[in-house]
Amino acid sequence: MLLAALMLVQSQIAWTPLDLTASTGEKVPSTTAYITVPERRDRSGGGQVRLFIAKLGATTDRPGPPIVYLAGGPGSAGVPTSPNFSPFVLGLRAFGDVVFYDQRGTGRAEPSLVVPGRLDLPSDQPLRSPATEARLTAVLVAALDTLRARGVDPAAYTTAESVEDLEALRMALGAERLVLWGHSYGSHLALAYVKRYPNRVARLLLGGINGPDHRWRPPVDGDVLLARIDSAVKADSKLRERIPDFLGLVRRVMDRLEKAPLLVEQDGKKWLVGRDEVAATIALMSGEVEFIKRLPQLFTWLEAGDGAYFVRTMRNALKERAFGTAMTYPMHLASGVSPARAARIAREAGTAIMGNAINWPWDLPSFASMWKVPDLGEGFRAPVTSSAPAFLYSGTFDGRTSLADAEEVRRGFPNGVHVVVDGSAHAPHLQSVELMRMMLDFAAGRPVRSGHLRVPFGFRSPDEPAQIGELARIAQTEGGEAAAVRLRALAADPKVALTSYVPGTVSFNLLAATPKRAREAVALLEAGIALFPTVAFLHERLGDGYLALGDTAKARTVYGKAAALDPFTLSARIAELKLTPKPQ
């Protein structure tokens, strides 16, 4: 039976060689293919799904099991749309083929579940109001009509079906076992596969950990995140002068917005900013480290009645959010929540600072009932235990998953380790070079230990706009050297919270001006780098400035410095390579 299934899948494989050159200039042998799987395995004669696969060839003569990346979301494409591979991905090829694939309903998988249009929730109505729920319902009715017109069965888009897709992929690859690298929802899928096919997993790399019963989040996780931010603000000697009690600030703002929401005029509309709008936007954005850095700034501005920047963020993340792939919704709803976790969520929702925002809109009964997706059950949500070696990694400022949930998963893996990256959020593997090295060691079978790593982290200051405006005026009227003098004076003032974004933003605008103000930008950037020597983007901007002045040698040198400081900033590496003389 197994052999027949293997032959069936392999008969549908047609690998196509792809001449791929990474953006770093390296040739990357690769192939692509589609495999076809049943839409629903509990029904014979039903529809089919085609999964798109890309394989980067191993660089060793003795490759180990294929390393399969499982994308998050749910709904994110697994196959990259550009050759901007991280150093970690390129490094994994030393141990085996690296395989990306678009899960059902994502990327180039067929049929497409992408629904055009946006949510377009009412701008001037509360998030939890009849008007907003009516609009959300109308959008969902239209989306379901679109899917039905394409012959799509939403009930086929569950993690259980995706597990069987992954097993079909393993057979198609002719692999005895797989190394699974799952991030965010991808870790949820990886754990479900381990439970279903325990002998088919060689080892696991799991980030942004999402266990079998972790799709619904405890509201208190938001309080934990805010408390960590409060501690970090207090540890910043200059920012704590400006914001001595971040948690108190958050509570004041949320209480005020609950009683008297802001109405912000923007692009011809009035945008309501109340407690629920702030909480839901934070819940949606709290995996992004750059957003976390802005929270002290945003709450300071909201307390002052300035909601302009927040509204732009809210529109993109929430009110005017693109619908995207409909796969996201049934996949989440089918995984469900255990009675015990649901009871905990209900208890915490009334007292948590952000309420139950982390579970919106899943907690709307009308939203869940429309999809008619079968619940995968308590057996699916039971903890996973496995002897497979597992490497778990988390960020301390991740608001999308929690350290507690990650530790709960780790306890099921006696051969598992958990590495926490202080100063990172949902994607520490894109920030920490040391974490990348540990992950490569783990992939190679070398021993690694649980522990903490640290990446540079600094909050944005509420005073940045005023500082940027002042330095821009000085640079334009008095020159770059005068602006550099003022920058150093601001840095020396013990009461001024100055960030690297100030010289970075001013210099970027100077270089974007017509005509370019390259000399002024270079003077300011050289002063900025003296103050913030480890900030990669300042070096990259300085490279742009030298290039604008025609000094390619200096530009190449500082681009190289930027790439060395942050190997994940591929644009700096690409710029350096473009200026490197080609061998004769």
Protein backbone atom coordinates (compact mmCIF):
# COMPACT_ATOMS: atom_id res chain seq x y z
CA MET A 1 0.00 0.00 0.00
CA LEU A 2 2.79 2.43 0.99
CA LEU A 3 4.83 1.50 -2.11
CA ALA A 4 1.82 2.06 -4.34
CA ALA A 5 1.23 5.49 -2.80
CA LEU A 6 4.91 6.36 -3.28
CA MET A 7 4.81 5.34 -6.95
CA LEU A 8 1.60 7.34 -7.45
CA VAL A 9 3.12 10.53 -6.11
CA GLN A 10 6.45 10.04 -7.91
CA SER A 11 4.63 9.51 -11.20
CA GLN A 12 3.29 13.05 -10.91
CA ILE A 13 6.73 14.65 -10.35
CA ALA A 14 8.39 16.55 -13.16
CA TRP A 15 11.42 18.42 -11.84
CA THR A 16 12.45 21.48 -13.82
CA PRO A 17 16.04 22.73 -13.46
CA LEU A 18 16.27 26.38 -12.45
CA ASP A 19 19.37 28.47 -13.13
CA LEU A 20 19.30 30.47 -9.94
CA THR A 21 21.83 33.09 -8.90
CA ALA A 22 21.50 34.36 -5.35
CA SER A 23 21.55 38.11 -4.88
CA THR A 24 25.01 37.67 -3.36
CA GLY A 25 26.25 36.43 -6.74
CA GLU A 26 26.46 32.75 -5.76
CA LYS A 27 25.16 30.12 -8.18
CA VAL A 28 22.56 27.98 -6.42
CA PRO A 29 21.65 24.70 -8.16
CA SER A 30 17.90 24.31 -7.83
CA THR A 31 14.84 22.63 -9.28
CA THR A 32 11.10 23.25 -9.10
CA ALA A 33 8.09 20.99 -9.42
CA TYR A 34 4.43 20.52 -8.64
CA ILE A 35 2.95 17.53 -6.88
CA THR A 36 -0.75 16.73 -6.90
CA VAL A 37 -2.62 15.61 -3.79
CA PRO A 38 -6.31 15.04 -2.98
CA GLU A 39 -8.25 18.06 -1.78
CA ARG A 40 -9.95 15.91 0.85
CA ARG A 41 -8.66 12.48 1.75
CA ASP A 42 -11.90 11.46 3.45
CA ARG A 43 -13.74 11.61 0.13
CA SER A 44 -12.99 9.68 -3.04
CA GLY A 45 -13.36 11.27 -6.44
CA GLY A 46 -13.08 14.81 -5.10
CA GLY A 47 -10.98 17.73 -6.19
CA GLN A 48 -7.21 17.98 -6.27
CA VAL A 49 -4.60 20.42 -4.99
CA ARG A 50 -1.25 21.15 -6.65
CA LEU A 51 1.63 22.12 -4.36
CA PHE A 52 4.56 24.13 -5.74
CA ILE A 53 8.03 23.03 -4.61
CA ALA A 54 11.51 24.51 -4.92
CA LYS A 55 14.62 22.54 -3.99
CA LEU A 56 18.08 24.02 -3.42
CA GLY A 57 20.70 21.36 -4.06
CA ALA A 58 23.01 20.19 -1.29
CA THR A 59 26.65 21.27 -1.47
CA THR A 60 27.93 18.03 0.08
CA ASP A 61 28.63 14.67 -1.57
CA ARG A 62 26.99 12.91 1.37
CA PRO A 63 23.74 14.77 2.04
CA GLY A 64 21.56 13.99 5.02
CA PRO A 65 17.76 14.04 5.03
CA PRO A 66 16.11 16.90 3.12
CA ILE A 67 15.51 20.02 5.19
CA VAL A 68 11.94 21.16 4.59
CA TYR A 69 10.86 24.70 5.48
CA LEU A 70 7.30 25.09 6.78
CA ALA A 71 6.07 28.66 6.45
CA GLY A 72 3.95 30.47 9.00
CA GLY A 73 0.76 32.48 8.94
CA PRO A 74 -1.09 30.32 8.32
CA GLY A 75 -1.17 31.68 4.79
CA SER A 76 2.40 32.73 4.03
CA ALA A 77 4.00 31.34 0.89
CA GLY A 78 6.81 28.90 1.53
CA VAL A 79 8.70 29.29 -1.75
CA PRO A 80 10.64 32.57 -1.87
CA THR A 81 9.68 34.91 -4.70
CA SER A 82 13.22 36.33 -4.97
CA PRO A 83 16.70 34.81 -4.62
CA ASN A 84 17.46 36.85 -1.47
CA PHE A 85 18.33 33.79 0.60
CA SER A 86 19.62 34.37 4.12
CA PRO A 87 23.10 33.12 5.08
CA PHE A 88 21.36 30.48 7.20
CA VAL A 89 19.45 29.02 4.24
CA LEU A 90 22.57 28.93 2.08
CA GLY A 91 24.50 27.35 4.96
CA LEU A 92 21.94 24.56 5.43
CA ARG A 93 22.86 23.14 2.01
CA ALA A 94 26.05 21.77 3.59
CA PHE A 95 23.87 19.13 5.28
CA GLY A 96 21.24 18.29 2.66
CA ASP A 97 18.82 19.57 0.06
CA VAL A 98 16.80 22.55 1.28
CA VAL A 99 13.16 22.28 0.22
CA PHE A 100 10.57 25.04 0.20
CA TYR A 101 6.96 24.44 -0.73
CA ASP A 102 3.75 26.40 -0.88
CA GLN A 103 1.22 24.78 1.43
CA ARG A 104 -2.29 24.32 0.13
CA GLY A 105 -4.01 27.65 -0.30
CA THR A 106 -0.76 29.67 -0.32
CA GLY A 107 1.68 31.11 -2.85
CA ARG A 108 1.63 29.30 -6.19
CA ALA A 109 -0.34 26.31 -4.91
CA GLU A 110 -3.45 25.57 -6.97
CA PRO A 111 -6.26 26.33 -6.62
CA SER A 112 -5.55 29.81 -5.35
CA LEU A 113 -7.46 30.85 -2.27
CA VAL A 114 -6.44 34.50 -2.56
CA VAL A 115 -9.51 36.71 -2.41
CA PRO A 116 -9.11 40.20 -3.89
CA GLY A 117 -9.99 43.29 -1.94
CA ARG A 118 -9.66 44.56 1.62
CA LEU A 119 -11.61 44.30 4.84
CA ASP A 120 -12.42 48.02 4.72
CA LEU A 121 -13.94 48.04 8.19
CA PRO A 122 -15.85 51.22 9.08
CA SER A 123 -13.33 53.93 9.88
CA ASP A 124 -15.45 55.76 12.47
CA GLN A 125 -17.07 52.80 14.24
CA PRO A 126 -15.71 50.77 17.16
CA LEU A 127 -14.10 47.46 16.33
CA ARG A 128 -16.60 45.56 18.45
CA SER A 129 -19.73 47.23 17.13
CA PRO A 130 -22.69 45.90 15.10
CA ALA A 131 -21.59 48.01 12.11
CA THR A 132 -18.10 46.52 12.08
CA GLU A 133 -19.35 42.97 12.56
CA ALA A 134 -21.88 43.48 9.74
CA ARG A 135 -19.12 44.65 7.40
CA LEU A 136 -16.89 41.73 8.36
CA THR A 137 -19.79 39.33 7.74
CA ALA A 138 -20.43 40.85 4.30
CA VAL A 139 -16.75 40.46 3.37
CA LEU A 140 -16.78 36.82 4.45
CA VAL A 141 -19.98 36.04 2.53
CA ALA A 142 -18.39 37.48 -0.61
CA ALA A 143 -15.16 35.56 0.02
CA LEU A 144 -17.00 32.26 0.48
CA ASP A 145 -18.98 32.90 -2.72
CA THR A 146 -15.69 33.46 -4.54
CA LEU A 147 -14.26 30.19 -3.22
CA ARG A 148 -17.39 28.24 -4.14
CA ALA A 149 -17.24 29.68 -7.66
CA ARG A 150 -13.71 28.26 -7.92
CA GLY A 151 -14.86 24.87 -6.68
CA VAL A 152 -12.95 25.22 -3.41
CA ASP A 153 -14.09 23.37 -0.28
CA PRO A 154 -12.94 25.43 2.76
CA ALA A 155 -13.28 22.36 4.99
CA ALA A 156 -10.34 20.83 3.12
CA TYR A 157 -7.97 23.48 4.45
CA THR A 158 -6.94 22.11 7.81
CA THR A 159 -3.63 21.25 9.45
CA ALA A 160 -4.59 17.56 9.31
CA GLU A 161 -4.77 17.71 5.51
CA SER A 162 -1.52 19.69 5.38
CA VAL A 163 0.17 16.95 7.43
CA GLU A 164 -0.79 14.43 4.75
CA ASP A 165 0.47 16.84 2.08
CA LEU A 166 3.82 16.94 3.86
CA GLU A 167 3.93 13.15 3.95
CA ALA A 168 3.18 13.09 0.21
CA LEU A 169 6.09 15.49 -0.28
CA ARG A 170 8.40 13.23 1.72
CA MET A 171 7.48 10.29 -0.49
CA ALA A 172 7.91 12.40 -3.62
CA LEU A 173 11.41 13.31 -2.48
CA GLY A 174 12.20 9.63 -1.94
CA ALA A 175 13.36 10.45 1.59
CA GLU A 176 13.25 8.05 4.51
CA ARG A 177 13.07 10.94 6.98
CA LEU A 178 12.90 14.74 6.97
CA VAL A 179 14.48 17.55 8.92
CA LEU A 180 11.63 19.99 9.56
CA TRP A 181 12.21 23.71 9.98
CA GLY A 182 8.91 25.24 11.03
CA HIS A 183 8.39 28.86 11.96
CA SER A 184 5.27 30.27 13.68
CA TYR A 185 2.29 28.36 12.23
CA GLY A 186 4.94 26.21 10.53
CA SER A 187 5.94 24.91 13.97
CA HIS A 188 2.27 24.00 14.58
CA LEU A 189 2.27 22.00 11.34
CA ALA A 190 5.64 20.40 12.14
CA LEU A 191 4.42 19.23 15.56
CA ALA A 192 1.25 17.79 14.04
CA TYR A 193 3.41 15.87 11.54
CA VAL A 194 5.65 14.53 14.34
CA LYS A 195 2.57 13.23 16.12
CA ARG A 196 1.18 11.57 12.96
CA TYR A 197 4.48 10.27 11.54
CA PRO A 198 6.94 10.06 14.45
CA ASN A 199 9.43 7.82 12.64
CA ARG A 200 9.70 10.12 9.63
CA VAL A 201 11.35 13.03 11.44
CA ALA A 202 15.12 13.17 11.84
CA ARG A 203 15.22 16.45 13.77
CA LEU A 204 13.30 19.72 14.14
CA LEU A 205 14.09 23.43 14.10
CA LEU A 206 11.12 25.33 15.54
CA GLY A 207 10.76 29.09 15.96
CA GLY A 208 7.90 31.33 17.07
CA ILE A 209 6.57 28.20 18.74
CA ASN A 210 2.91 27.37 18.21
CA GLY A 211 1.95 24.08 19.87
CA PRO A 212 -1.05 21.86 19.09
CA ASP A 213 -3.32 23.79 21.49
CA HIS A 214 -1.74 27.21 21.02
CA ARG A 215 -3.64 28.73 18.09
CA TRP A 216 -5.84 30.61 20.59
CA ARG A 217 -3.75 32.78 22.89
CA PRO A 218 -4.13 33.59 26.62
CA PRO A 219 -4.82 37.34 27.02
CA VAL A 220 -2.31 37.58 29.88
CA ASP A 221 0.46 37.05 27.31
CA GLY A 222 -0.08 40.68 26.33
CA ASP A 223 0.46 41.78 29.93
CA VAL A 224 3.70 39.78 30.05
CA LEU A 225 4.95 41.50 26.87
CA LEU A 226 4.07 44.98 28.18
CA ALA A 227 5.82 44.22 31.49
CA ARG A 228 8.98 43.22 29.59
CA ILE A 229 8.83 46.46 27.63
CA ASP A 230 8.35 48.39 30.88
CA SER A 231 11.48 46.77 32.34
CA ALA A 232 13.47 47.57 29.20
CA VAL A 233 12.35 51.22 29.25
CA LYS A 234 13.41 51.51 32.90
CA ALA A 235 16.81 50.06 31.95
CA ASP A 236 17.31 52.85 29.38
CA SER A 237 18.76 55.72 31.43
CA LYS A 238 17.63 58.43 29.00
CA LEU A 239 14.25 57.06 27.97
CA ARG A 240 13.17 56.47 31.58
CA GLU A 241 13.62 60.21 32.16
CA ARG A 242 11.04 60.76 29.44
CA ILE A 243 8.80 57.79 30.30
CA PRO A 244 9.34 56.79 33.95
CA ASP A 245 6.37 54.38 34.07
CA PHE A 246 5.55 52.77 30.72
CA LEU A 247 2.94 50.39 32.16
CA GLY A 248 1.24 53.29 33.91
CA LEU A 249 1.26 55.22 30.63
CA VAL A 250 -0.37 52.29 28.80
CA ARG A 251 -3.08 51.92 31.45
CA ARG A 252 -3.84 55.67 31.42
CA VAL A 253 -4.11 55.78 27.65
CA MET A 254 -6.25 52.65 27.39
CA ASP A 255 -8.63 53.82 30.12
CA ARG A 256 -8.95 57.25 28.51
CA LEU A 257 -9.56 55.81 25.03
CA GLU A 258 -12.23 53.49 26.40
CA LYS A 259 -14.13 56.50 27.76
CA ALA A 260 -13.32 59.02 25.04
CA PRO A 261 -11.90 57.59 21.80
CA LEU A 262 -9.87 59.86 19.52
CA LEU A 263 -11.25 60.84 16.12
CA VAL A 264 -8.38 61.45 13.71
CA GLU A 265 -8.86 63.09 10.31
CA GLN A 266 -6.80 61.36 7.64
CA ASP A 267 -7.26 61.12 3.86
CA GLY A 268 -10.75 62.57 3.95
CA LYS A 269 -12.07 60.21 6.63
CA LYS A 270 -12.52 60.24 10.39
CA TRP A 271 -10.76 57.33 12.07
CA LEU A 272 -11.88 56.23 15.51
CA VAL A 273 -9.08 55.22 17.86
CA GLY A 274 -10.46 53.52 20.96
CA ARG A 275 -9.23 50.91 23.39
CA ASP A 276 -10.18 47.95 21.18
CA GLU A 277 -8.57 49.49 18.08
CA VAL A 278 -5.27 50.02 19.90
CA ALA A 279 -5.34 46.54 21.45
CA ALA A 280 -6.15 44.76 18.18
CA THR A 281 -3.51 46.67 16.24
CA ILE A 282 -0.87 45.80 18.84
CA ALA A 283 -1.98 42.15 18.76
CA LEU A 284 -1.59 42.02 14.98
CA MET A 285 1.73 43.87 14.88
CA SER A 286 3.45 42.61 18.02
CA GLY A 287 5.59 40.08 16.20
CA GLU A 288 7.47 42.90 14.42
CA VAL A 289 10.48 44.06 16.39
CA GLU A 290 10.42 47.51 14.76
CA PHE A 291 6.83 47.98 15.92
CA ILE A 292 7.74 46.90 19.46
CA LYS A 293 10.48 49.54 19.46
CA ARG A 294 7.83 52.18 18.70
CA LEU A 295 5.35 51.35 21.47
CA PRO A 296 6.71 53.82 24.07
CA GLN A 297 6.70 56.47 21.34
CA LEU A 298 3.17 55.64 20.17
CA PHE A 299 1.63 55.65 23.65
CA THR A 300 3.31 58.97 24.46
CA TRP A 301 1.82 60.47 21.32
CA LEU A 302 -1.62 58.97 22.01
CA GLU A 303 -1.62 60.44 25.51
CA ALA A 304 -0.89 63.82 23.95
CA GLY A 305 -3.88 63.36 21.62
CA ASP A 306 -1.74 62.71 18.53
CA GLY A 307 -3.04 59.61 16.76
CA ALA A 308 -1.80 60.30 13.22
CA TYR A 309 0.99 57.73 13.11
CA PHE A 310 -1.06 55.15 14.96
CA VAL A 311 -3.93 55.53 12.47
CA ARG A 312 -1.60 54.81 9.55
CA THR A 313 -0.49 51.63 11.30
CA MET A 314 -4.05 50.66 12.22
CA ARG A 315 -5.27 51.13 8.66
CA ASN A 316 -2.61 48.84 7.19
CA ALA A 317 -2.80 46.16 9.88
CA LEU A 318 -6.52 46.18 10.64
CA LYS A 319 -9.13 48.44 9.08
CA GLU A 320 -7.86 48.35 5.47
CA ARG A 321 -6.12 45.00 5.71
CA ALA A 322 -5.98 43.00 2.48
CA PHE A 323 -8.11 39.87 2.69
CA GLY A 324 -5.27 37.74 1.29
CA THR A 325 -5.58 33.98 1.20
CA ALA A 326 -8.74 32.53 2.70
CA MET A 327 -6.71 29.49 3.79
CA THR A 328 -5.80 31.38 6.98
CA TYR A 329 -9.29 31.22 8.43
CA PRO A 330 -10.38 27.56 8.17
CA MET A 331 -6.85 26.41 9.06
CA HIS A 332 -6.98 28.33 12.35
CA LEU A 333 -10.57 27.44 13.17
CA ALA A 334 -10.09 23.70 12.55
CA SER A 335 -7.16 23.52 14.99
CA GLY A 336 -9.51 24.99 17.58
CA VAL A 337 -8.97 25.35 21.32
CA SER A 338 -9.27 22.92 24.22
CA PRO A 339 -11.98 23.50 26.87
CA ALA A 340 -9.32 24.14 29.51
CA ARG A 341 -7.53 26.79 27.43
CA ALA A 342 -10.85 28.35 26.37
CA ALA A 343 -11.83 28.68 30.05
CA ARG A 344 -8.50 30.30 30.84
CA ILE A 345 -8.95 32.78 27.98
CA ALA A 346 -12.43 33.67 29.25
CA ARG A 347 -11.08 34.28 32.77
CA GLU A 348 -8.21 36.48 31.62
CA ALA A 349 -10.08 38.49 28.97
CA GLY A 350 -11.83 40.66 31.55
CA THR A 351 -8.69 41.75 33.40
CA ALA A 352 -5.88 41.77 30.81
CA ILE A 353 -4.77 45.22 29.65
CA MET A 354 -5.46 44.35 26.01
CA GLY A 355 -8.61 42.36 26.75
CA ASN A 356 -9.11 39.49 24.30
CA ALA A 357 -7.72 41.38 21.32
CA ILE A 358 -5.19 38.63 20.54
CA ASN A 359 -8.11 36.34 19.62
CA TRP A 360 -10.11 38.76 17.47
CA PRO A 361 -12.00 37.98 15.22
CA TRP A 362 -11.92 34.28 16.10
CA ASP A 363 -13.91 35.01 19.26
CA LEU A 364 -16.88 36.35 17.25
CA PRO A 365 -19.45 33.49 17.09
CA SER A 366 -20.76 34.72 13.72
CA PHE A 367 -17.26 34.66 12.25
CA ALA A 368 -16.51 31.07 13.23
CA SER A 369 -19.92 29.67 12.28
CA MET A 370 -19.74 30.92 8.69
CA TRP A 371 -16.78 28.71 7.75
CA LYS A 372 -18.39 25.38 8.77
CA VAL A 373 -14.99 23.79 9.36
CA PRO A 374 -14.77 20.52 11.35
CA ASP A 375 -12.90 20.76 14.63
CA LEU A 376 -9.83 18.49 14.63
CA GLY A 377 -10.52 17.40 18.21
CA GLU A 378 -8.77 16.95 21.52
CA GLY A 379 -6.49 14.23 20.20
CA PHE A 380 -5.06 16.69 17.71
CA ARG A 381 -4.54 19.29 20.45
CA ALA A 382 -2.88 16.88 22.91
CA PRO A 383 0.79 17.61 23.73
CA VAL A 384 3.46 16.13 21.47
CA THR A 385 6.13 13.82 22.85
CA SER A 386 9.04 12.71 20.71
CA SER A 387 12.61 11.51 21.04
CA ALA A 388 13.62 13.45 17.91
CA PRO A 389 16.28 16.11 18.56
CA ALA A 390 14.59 19.52 18.59
CA PHE A 391 15.99 23.05 18.56
CA LEU A 392 13.46 25.65 19.70
CA TYR A 393 14.13 29.39 19.50
CA SER A 394 12.14 32.38 20.75
CA GLY A 395 12.38 36.15 21.16
CA THR A 396 11.69 37.93 24.43
CA PHE A 397 9.62 40.65 22.71
CA ASP A 398 7.50 38.30 20.61
CA GLY A 399 3.86 39.24 21.07
CA ARG A 400 2.58 36.60 18.63
CA THR A 401 3.82 33.58 20.60
CA SER A 402 5.05 33.17 24.16
CA LEU A 403 8.05 31.79 26.00
CA ALA A 404 5.67 29.84 28.24
CA ASP A 405 4.08 28.05 25.27
CA ALA A 406 7.54 27.28 23.86
CA GLU A 407 8.63 25.76 27.16
CA GLU A 408 5.45 23.68 27.27
CA VAL A 409 6.34 22.23 23.86
CA ARG A 410 10.00 21.69 24.82
CA ARG A 411 9.00 19.51 27.77
CA GLY A 412 7.71 16.94 25.28
CA PHE A 413 11.16 16.60 23.71
CA PRO A 414 13.72 15.02 26.05
CA ASN A 415 16.35 15.71 23.36
CA GLY A 416 15.23 19.29 22.90
CA VAL A 417 16.86 22.64 23.66
CA HIS A 418 15.34 26.11 23.83
CA VAL A 419 17.36 29.22 22.96
CA VAL A 420 15.86 32.60 23.89
CA VAL A 421 17.08 35.73 22.10
CA ASP A 422 16.81 38.83 24.28
CA GLY A 423 15.87 41.90 22.25
CA SER A 424 14.24 39.98 19.41
CA ALA A 425 10.60 39.41 18.56
CA HIS A 426 8.97 36.85 16.25
CA ALA A 427 11.91 36.23 13.90
CA PRO A 428 15.16 36.00 15.91
CA HIS A 429 16.69 33.82 13.19
CA LEU A 430 16.77 36.95 11.02
CA GLN A 431 18.54 39.02 13.66
CA SER A 432 21.07 36.93 15.56
CA VAL A 433 24.24 35.69 13.88
CA GLU A 434 25.03 33.59 16.95
CA LEU A 435 21.60 31.93 16.77
CA MET A 436 22.20 31.19 13.09
CA ARG A 437 25.50 29.50 13.97
CA MET A 438 23.83 27.43 16.68
CA MET A 439 21.10 26.35 14.27
CA LEU A 440 23.71 25.28 11.72
CA ASP A 441 25.57 23.36 14.44
CA PHE A 442 22.32 21.63 15.37
CA ALA A 443 21.62 20.79 11.72
CA ALA A 444 25.09 19.24 11.55
CA GLY A 445 24.40 17.09 14.60
CA ARG A 446 26.81 18.95 16.83
CA PRO A 447 25.77 19.48 20.48
CA VAL A 448 24.04 22.74 21.44
CA ARG A 449 22.64 23.90 24.77
CA SER A 450 19.64 25.84 25.96
CA GLY A 451 20.34 29.41 26.99
CA HIS A 452 20.00 33.10 26.22
CA LEU A 453 21.50 35.19 23.44
CA ARG A 454 21.24 38.95 22.99
CA VAL A 455 20.82 41.20 19.97
CA PRO A 456 21.06 45.02 19.98
CA PHE A 457 17.76 46.65 20.85
CA GLY A 458 16.75 50.25 21.31
CA PHE A 459 13.38 51.96 21.57
CA ARG A 460 12.28 54.80 19.34
CA SER A 461 12.05 58.14 21.13
CA PRO A 462 8.86 60.23 21.26
CA ASP A 463 11.06 63.25 20.46
CA GLU A 464 12.42 61.89 17.17
CA PRO A 465 10.21 63.99 14.85
CA ALA A 466 11.31 67.24 16.51
CA GLN A 467 14.97 66.18 16.46
CA ILE A 468 14.75 65.14 12.80
CA GLY A 469 13.12 68.44 11.87
CA GLU A 470 15.77 70.47 13.71
CA LEU A 471 18.74 68.63 12.20
CA ALA A 472 17.23 68.77 8.70
CA ARG A 473 16.84 72.56 8.94
CA ILE A 474 20.43 72.97 10.16
CA ALA A 475 21.81 70.70 7.42
CA GLN A 476 19.95 72.59 4.71
CA THR A 477 20.72 76.10 5.95
CA GLU A 478 24.07 75.82 7.74
CA GLY A 479 25.55 72.64 6.25
CA GLY A 480 26.34 69.11 7.26
CA GLU A 481 29.14 69.94 9.72
CA ALA A 482 26.83 72.24 11.68
CA ALA A 483 24.21 69.48 11.79
CA ALA A 484 26.88 67.03 13.01
CA VAL A 485 27.83 69.43 15.83
CA ARG A 486 24.20 69.67 16.91
CA LEU A 487 23.82 65.87 16.74
CA ARG A 488 26.77 65.42 19.09
CA ALA A 489 25.31 68.00 21.47
CA LEU A 490 22.00 66.15 21.59
CA ALA A 491 23.81 62.90 22.34
CA ALA A 492 25.76 64.52 25.18
CA ASP A 493 22.62 65.87 26.88
CA PRO A 494 21.71 63.41 29.68
CA LYS A 495 18.04 64.35 29.41
CA VAL A 496 17.74 63.76 25.66
CA ALA A 497 16.82 60.31 24.32
CA LEU A 498 18.58 60.21 20.95
CA THR A 499 18.33 57.21 18.62
CA SER A 500 20.23 56.14 15.52
CA TYR A 501 17.06 56.67 13.50
CA VAL A 502 17.50 60.43 13.75
CA PRO A 503 20.73 60.78 11.72
CA GLY A 504 19.58 57.85 9.59
CA THR A 505 16.30 59.51 8.62
CA VAL A 506 17.76 62.97 8.05
CA SER A 507 20.56 61.59 5.87
CA PHE A 508 18.15 59.42 3.90
CA ASN A 509 16.03 62.48 3.10
CA LEU A 510 19.11 64.50 2.15
CA LEU A 511 20.19 61.78 -0.29
CA ALA A 512 16.66 61.56 -1.71
CA ALA A 513 16.45 65.30 -2.30
CA THR A 514 16.68 66.86 -5.75
CA PRO A 515 19.47 67.71 -6.13
CA LYS A 516 21.10 65.29 -3.66
CA ARG A 517 22.66 66.83 -0.56
CA ALA A 518 25.35 64.14 -0.37
CA ARG A 519 28.05 66.18 1.42
CA GLU A 520 25.64 67.16 4.18
CA ALA A 521 24.44 63.56 4.48
CA VAL A 522 27.99 62.19 4.70
CA ALA A 523 29.00 64.67 7.42
CA LEU A 524 25.95 63.79 9.49
CA LEU A 525 26.38 60.04 8.96
CA GLU A 526 30.05 60.09 9.95
CA ALA A 527 29.04 61.78 13.20
CA GLY A 528 26.15 59.32 13.64
CA ILE A 529 28.41 56.29 13.20
CA ALA A 530 30.80 57.67 15.81
CA LEU A 531 27.84 57.67 18.23
CA PHE A 532 26.26 54.39 17.03
CA PRO A 533 29.17 52.36 15.62
CA THR A 534 27.37 48.99 15.46
CA VAL A 535 24.26 50.15 13.56
CA ALA A 536 24.43 48.56 10.11
CA PHE A 537 21.93 50.80 8.34
CA LEU A 538 23.97 53.94 9.14
CA HIS A 539 26.98 52.37 7.42
CA GLU A 540 24.81 51.43 4.46
CA ARG A 541 23.48 54.99 4.18
CA LEU A 542 27.06 56.28 4.39
CA GLY A 543 27.94 53.98 1.49
CA ASP A 544 25.08 55.60 -0.47
CA GLY A 545 26.51 59.01 0.39
CA TYR A 546 30.06 58.17 -0.71
CA LEU A 547 28.65 56.66 -3.89
CA ALA A 548 26.72 59.85 -4.62
CA LEU A 549 30.01 61.77 -4.23
CA GLY A 550 31.73 59.41 -6.66
CA ASP A 551 34.04 57.79 -4.09
CA THR A 552 33.45 54.13 -4.93
CA ALA A 553 36.39 52.86 -2.85
CA LYS A 554 35.01 54.34 0.37
CA ALA A 555 31.50 53.27 -0.57
CA ARG A 556 32.61 49.66 -1.08
CA THR A 557 34.42 49.66 2.28
CA VAL A 558 31.45 50.89 4.32
CA TYR A 559 28.99 48.65 2.47
CA GLY A 560 31.25 45.78 3.50
CA LYS A 561 31.21 47.02 7.10
CA ALA A 562 27.39 47.14 7.03
CA ALA A 563 27.22 43.58 5.68
CA ALA A 564 29.66 42.39 8.38
CA LEU A 565 27.65 44.06 11.15
CA ASP A 566 24.40 42.55 9.90
CA PRO A 567 24.78 39.58 7.53
CA PHE A 568 21.02 39.57 7.11
CA THR A 569 21.11 43.01 5.42
CA LEU A 570 21.58 41.59 1.94
CA SER A 571 21.21 44.97 0.23
CA ALA A 572 24.54 46.10 1.69
CA ARG A 573 26.26 42.92 0.51
CA ILE A 574 24.77 43.33 -2.97
CA ALA A 575 25.93 46.97 -3.13
CA GLU A 576 29.45 45.92 -2.08
CA LEU A 577 29.58 43.21 -4.76
CA LYS A 578 28.47 45.63 -7.47
CA LEU A 579 31.44 47.86 -6.65
CA THR A 580 33.96 45.02 -6.38
CA PRO A 581 36.22 44.80 -9.48
CA LYS A 582 35.58 41.66 -11.49
CA PRO A 583 38.54 39.27 -11.94
CA GLN A 584 40.19 39.64 -15.34
